[in-house]
Amino acid sequence: MTQHDNEHSKYSIAVSKVTKTVSTGEGKLQILQPISFNVQHGESIAIVGASGSGKSTLLGLLAGLDETSSGEIHIEESPLHTMNEEQRARLRGEKVGFIFQSFMLVQSLTALENVMLPAQIAGLDDPARKAKIILEQVGLSHRAYHFPNQLSGGEQQRVAIARAFIGEPSILFADEPTGNLDAANSTKVEDLLFTLNRDKGTTLVLVTHDDELALKCDRQLRMNAGVLQEITANAEEVA
């Protein structure tokens, strides 16, 4: 192992000089300026900033849902920036969970079947048993055979969290995980995310407009117009 490789092994996520540029009718638009930061194993990070600051774009790059224009991203030592879509999809299946603000559940599948789906795709043993266990952990064993349109927004988000965790990912990415929820359900979902983060040692990276949620994370990365403006350790973690 080279010194360069060894440097990446210290971190769950290592980001170096990452940019994102897209073509528009008026020419090139740089969405992300060069961004560099590292995330420790098991750390919780909130990416915050105004709408249009590049938060969700950065999250999509970290999760391998999109390609960088330049720079390097290592996920659990794997060089995401050198991979094609098939390789990135395989890495996501092995190491990454992703929670969308809009839940993204398959409407024709029950809660249990939605949670089972990634385990089936990954070829894990006994996906039904695993799915039942994790649905119980998120307090939804009694809703296992209900379809998404029979569930409340909070219940759908908890199903989405169960689905993201069934493969026991090393890293969980969440894009506004409480953005569509009322206060009571937001609290349930937040508690669940941090409990799983703590109990499983999963690295948690989330985009949020919710200041209270951001403060529960170990650190905040503040974005402004595509620039990583500052990285702040939360006071309660430092104390």
Protein backbone atom coordinates (compact mmCIF):
# COMPACT_ATOMS: atom_id res chain seq x y z
CA MET A 1 0.00 0.00 0.00
CA THR A 2 1.39 3.38 -0.99
CA GLN A 3 1.37 6.40 1.30
CA HIS A 4 -1.34 7.90 -0.96
CA ASP A 5 -3.54 4.80 -0.53
CA ASN A 6 -2.87 4.70 3.20
CA GLU A 7 -4.05 8.30 3.49
CA HIS A 8 -7.44 7.35 2.03
CA SER A 9 -7.81 4.31 4.30
CA LYS A 10 -8.08 6.64 7.31
CA TYR A 11 -11.39 7.98 6.03
CA SER A 12 -14.84 6.77 5.13
CA ILE A 13 -15.02 9.50 2.46
CA ALA A 14 -12.07 11.45 1.03
CA VAL A 15 -12.81 14.33 -1.37
CA SER A 16 -10.07 16.21 -3.19
CA LYS A 17 -10.58 19.22 -5.50
CA VAL A 18 -13.94 17.99 -6.81
CA THR A 19 -15.78 20.18 -9.33
CA LYS A 20 -18.99 19.85 -11.32
CA THR A 21 -19.64 21.71 -14.56
CA VAL A 22 -22.65 21.30 -16.85
CA SER A 23 -23.35 22.55 -20.37
CA THR A 24 -26.24 24.95 -20.86
CA GLY A 25 -27.59 26.82 -23.88
CA GLU A 26 -25.52 29.78 -22.76
CA GLY A 27 -22.30 27.81 -22.29
CA LYS A 28 -20.63 26.09 -19.35
CA LEU A 29 -22.05 26.49 -15.85
CA GLN A 30 -19.83 25.58 -12.90
CA ILE A 31 -22.12 24.22 -10.16
CA LEU A 32 -19.33 23.22 -7.75
CA GLN A 33 -16.01 25.01 -7.30
CA PRO A 34 -13.04 22.83 -6.18
CA ILE A 35 -14.10 21.13 -2.93
CA SER A 36 -11.92 19.11 -0.56
CA PHE A 37 -12.79 17.49 2.78
CA ASN A 38 -12.62 14.15 4.59
CA VAL A 39 -15.17 12.23 6.65
CA GLN A 40 -14.14 9.85 9.43
CA HIS A 41 -15.57 6.35 9.75
CA GLY A 42 -18.86 6.52 11.68
CA GLU A 43 -18.99 10.31 11.63
CA SER A 44 -22.23 12.25 11.02
CA ILE A 45 -22.04 15.23 8.66
CA ALA A 46 -24.70 17.79 7.68
CA ILE A 47 -24.33 19.64 4.37
CA VAL A 48 -26.16 22.95 4.78
CA GLY A 49 -26.71 26.11 2.73
CA ALA A 50 -29.33 28.01 0.76
CA SER A 51 -31.30 26.47 -2.09
CA GLY A 52 -29.13 26.33 -5.20
CA SER A 53 -25.88 26.29 -3.23
CA GLY A 54 -24.85 22.89 -4.63
CA LYS A 55 -25.71 20.70 -1.62
CA SER A 56 -27.70 18.03 -3.46
CA THR A 57 -25.26 18.06 -6.38
CA LEU A 58 -22.41 17.32 -3.98
CA LEU A 59 -24.41 14.57 -2.28
CA GLY A 60 -25.17 12.93 -5.63
CA LEU A 61 -21.46 12.96 -6.53
CA LEU A 62 -20.47 11.43 -3.18
CA ALA A 63 -23.05 8.66 -3.65
CA GLY A 64 -21.90 7.91 -7.17
CA LEU A 65 -25.24 8.94 -8.68
CA ASP A 66 -23.43 11.43 -10.93
CA GLU A 67 -19.89 11.91 -12.26
CA THR A 68 -17.45 14.59 -11.18
CA SER A 69 -16.05 16.98 -13.80
CA SER A 70 -12.67 16.86 -12.08
CA GLY A 71 -11.12 15.88 -8.77
CA GLU A 72 -11.14 12.70 -6.71
CA ILE A 73 -13.64 10.95 -4.43
CA HIS A 74 -12.68 7.86 -2.46
CA ILE A 75 -15.49 5.91 -0.79
CA GLU A 76 -14.17 3.39 1.76
CA GLU A 77 -10.84 3.55 -0.16
CA SER A 78 -12.50 2.84 -3.54
CA PRO A 79 -11.74 5.49 -6.23
CA LEU A 80 -15.25 6.52 -7.25
CA HIS A 81 -13.95 9.09 -9.74
CA THR A 82 -12.32 6.41 -11.94
CA MET A 83 -15.39 4.14 -12.15
CA ASN A 84 -17.98 3.75 -14.90
CA GLU A 85 -21.72 3.62 -14.12
CA GLU A 86 -21.76 -0.16 -13.72
CA GLN A 87 -18.85 -0.07 -11.27
CA ARG A 88 -20.42 2.80 -9.33
CA ALA A 89 -23.72 0.89 -9.13
CA ARG A 90 -21.87 -2.14 -7.75
CA LEU A 91 -20.12 0.02 -5.14
CA ARG A 92 -23.47 1.57 -4.13
CA GLY A 93 -24.93 -1.90 -3.74
CA GLU A 94 -22.07 -3.00 -1.50
CA LYS A 95 -21.29 0.08 0.60
CA VAL A 96 -23.90 2.83 0.20
CA GLY A 97 -27.48 3.51 1.29
CA PHE A 98 -29.43 6.50 -0.04
CA ILE A 99 -32.59 8.11 1.35
CA PHE A 100 -34.52 10.47 -0.92
CA GLN A 101 -36.73 13.33 0.28
CA SER A 102 -39.56 11.98 -1.90
CA PHE A 103 -39.20 8.44 -0.45
CA MET A 104 -38.94 6.79 -3.95
CA LEU A 105 -40.83 3.67 -2.89
CA VAL A 106 -42.16 1.26 -5.54
CA GLN A 107 -45.92 1.81 -5.38
CA SER A 108 -46.81 -1.72 -6.53
CA LEU A 109 -44.78 -3.35 -3.72
CA THR A 110 -45.68 -3.70 -0.04
CA ALA A 111 -43.51 -2.11 2.64
CA LEU A 112 -41.87 -5.49 3.22
CA GLU A 113 -41.20 -6.00 -0.51
CA ASN A 114 -39.77 -2.46 -0.85
CA VAL A 115 -37.32 -3.15 1.98
CA MET A 116 -36.42 -6.56 0.55
CA LEU A 117 -35.67 -5.21 -2.93
CA PRO A 118 -32.02 -4.09 -2.54
CA ALA A 119 -31.21 -7.27 -0.59
CA GLN A 120 -32.66 -9.35 -3.42
CA ILE A 121 -30.71 -7.39 -6.03
CA ALA A 122 -27.52 -7.85 -4.00
CA GLY A 123 -28.20 -11.59 -3.65
CA LEU A 124 -28.24 -11.52 0.15
CA ASP A 125 -29.46 -14.61 2.00
CA ASP A 126 -33.04 -14.65 3.31
CA PRO A 127 -34.02 -11.08 2.40
CA ALA A 128 -37.56 -11.52 3.82
CA ARG A 129 -36.25 -12.34 7.29
CA LYS A 130 -33.79 -9.40 7.20
CA ALA A 131 -36.52 -7.06 5.99
CA LYS A 132 -38.90 -8.11 8.78
CA ILE A 133 -36.20 -7.53 11.41
CA ILE A 134 -35.36 -4.04 10.18
CA LEU A 135 -39.04 -3.09 9.77
CA GLU A 136 -39.45 -4.02 13.42
CA GLN A 137 -36.46 -1.82 14.30
CA VAL A 138 -38.13 1.16 12.60
CA GLY A 139 -41.45 0.39 14.34
CA LEU A 140 -43.36 -0.76 11.26
CA SER A 141 -43.70 -4.54 11.58
CA HIS A 142 -47.49 -4.06 11.78
CA ARG A 143 -47.44 -2.24 8.41
CA ALA A 144 -45.29 -4.78 6.52
CA TYR A 145 -48.04 -5.80 4.10
CA HIS A 146 -49.38 -2.32 3.40
CA PHE A 147 -48.64 -0.53 0.12
CA PRO A 148 -47.04 2.95 0.08
CA ASN A 149 -50.35 4.71 -0.65
CA GLN A 150 -51.73 3.16 2.56
CA LEU A 151 -48.92 4.65 4.67
CA SER A 152 -48.44 8.15 6.08
CA GLY A 153 -45.49 10.29 4.96
CA GLY A 154 -43.60 9.47 8.16
CA GLU A 155 -44.24 5.75 7.71
CA GLN A 156 -43.08 5.88 4.08
CA GLN A 157 -39.87 7.63 5.11
CA ARG A 158 -39.22 4.97 7.75
CA VAL A 159 -39.72 2.27 5.10
CA ALA A 160 -37.21 4.14 2.93
CA ILE A 161 -34.74 4.20 5.84
CA ALA A 162 -35.25 0.47 6.43
CA ARG A 163 -34.63 -0.15 2.73
CA ALA A 164 -31.44 1.92 2.82
CA PHE A 165 -30.13 0.01 5.85
CA ILE A 166 -30.98 -3.57 4.86
CA GLY A 167 -27.62 -4.11 3.16
CA GLU A 168 -25.84 -2.71 6.25
CA PRO A 169 -24.08 0.00 4.21
CA SER A 170 -20.85 1.57 5.40
CA ILE A 171 -22.20 5.00 4.45
CA LEU A 172 -25.73 6.39 4.43
CA PHE A 173 -26.57 9.46 2.36
CA ALA A 174 -29.84 11.30 2.98
CA ASP A 175 -31.24 14.19 0.93
CA GLU A 176 -33.58 16.31 3.09
CA PRO A 177 -34.78 13.20 4.97
CA THR A 178 -37.29 15.19 7.03
CA GLY A 179 -38.20 17.76 4.36
CA ASN A 180 -41.68 16.35 3.66
CA LEU A 181 -42.58 15.46 7.25
CA ASP A 182 -44.41 17.15 10.11
CA ALA A 183 -42.61 17.88 13.39
CA ALA A 184 -43.59 14.65 15.16
CA ASN A 185 -42.54 12.42 12.27
CA SER A 186 -39.37 14.47 11.71
CA THR A 187 -38.32 13.74 15.28
CA LYS A 188 -38.97 9.99 14.85
CA VAL A 189 -36.96 9.87 11.61
CA GLU A 190 -34.08 11.89 13.11
CA ASP A 191 -33.91 9.64 16.16
CA LEU A 192 -33.92 6.59 13.92
CA LEU A 193 -31.11 7.87 11.69
CA PHE A 194 -28.82 8.70 14.61
CA THR A 195 -29.63 5.46 16.46
CA LEU A 196 -28.69 3.42 13.39
CA ASN A 197 -25.63 5.62 12.84
CA ARG A 198 -24.52 4.98 16.42
CA ASP A 199 -25.49 1.31 16.73
CA LYS A 200 -24.19 0.19 13.34
CA GLY A 201 -21.22 2.57 13.12
CA THR A 202 -22.56 3.81 9.79
CA THR A 203 -21.14 7.04 8.39
CA LEU A 204 -24.06 9.48 7.95
CA VAL A 205 -24.01 12.33 5.43
CA LEU A 206 -27.17 14.36 5.03
CA VAL A 207 -28.36 17.46 3.22
CA THR A 208 -30.79 19.53 5.26
CA HIS A 209 -32.38 22.96 5.67
CA ASP A 210 -33.29 22.02 9.24
CA ASP A 211 -30.89 23.76 11.65
CA GLU A 212 -31.87 21.52 14.58
CA LEU A 213 -31.13 18.38 12.56
CA ALA A 214 -27.81 19.82 11.38
CA LEU A 215 -26.81 20.56 14.99
CA LYS A 216 -27.29 16.90 15.90
CA CYS A 217 -24.50 15.93 13.50
CA ASP A 218 -20.82 15.91 14.45
CA ARG A 219 -19.97 18.57 11.87
CA GLN A 220 -21.60 20.92 9.37
CA LEU A 221 -20.29 21.65 5.87
CA ARG A 222 -21.72 24.97 4.72
CA MET A 223 -22.14 25.50 0.97
CA ASN A 224 -22.56 28.88 -0.73
CA ALA A 225 -22.91 29.24 -4.52
CA GLY A 226 -20.97 26.04 -5.20
CA VAL A 227 -18.20 26.85 -2.74
CA LEU A 228 -17.51 24.90 0.45
CA GLN A 229 -17.50 27.96 2.70
CA GLU A 230 -16.70 26.46 6.09
CA ILE A 231 -16.63 23.25 8.10
CA THR A 232 -17.92 23.63 11.65
CA ALA A 233 -17.72 21.13 14.52
CA ASN A 234 -20.92 21.32 16.52
CA ALA A 235 -20.43 22.69 20.04
CA GLU A 236 -22.16 19.83 21.82
CA GLU A 237 -19.75 17.39 20.19
CA VAL A 238 -16.72 19.47 21.17
CA ALA A 239 -17.82 20.01 24.77
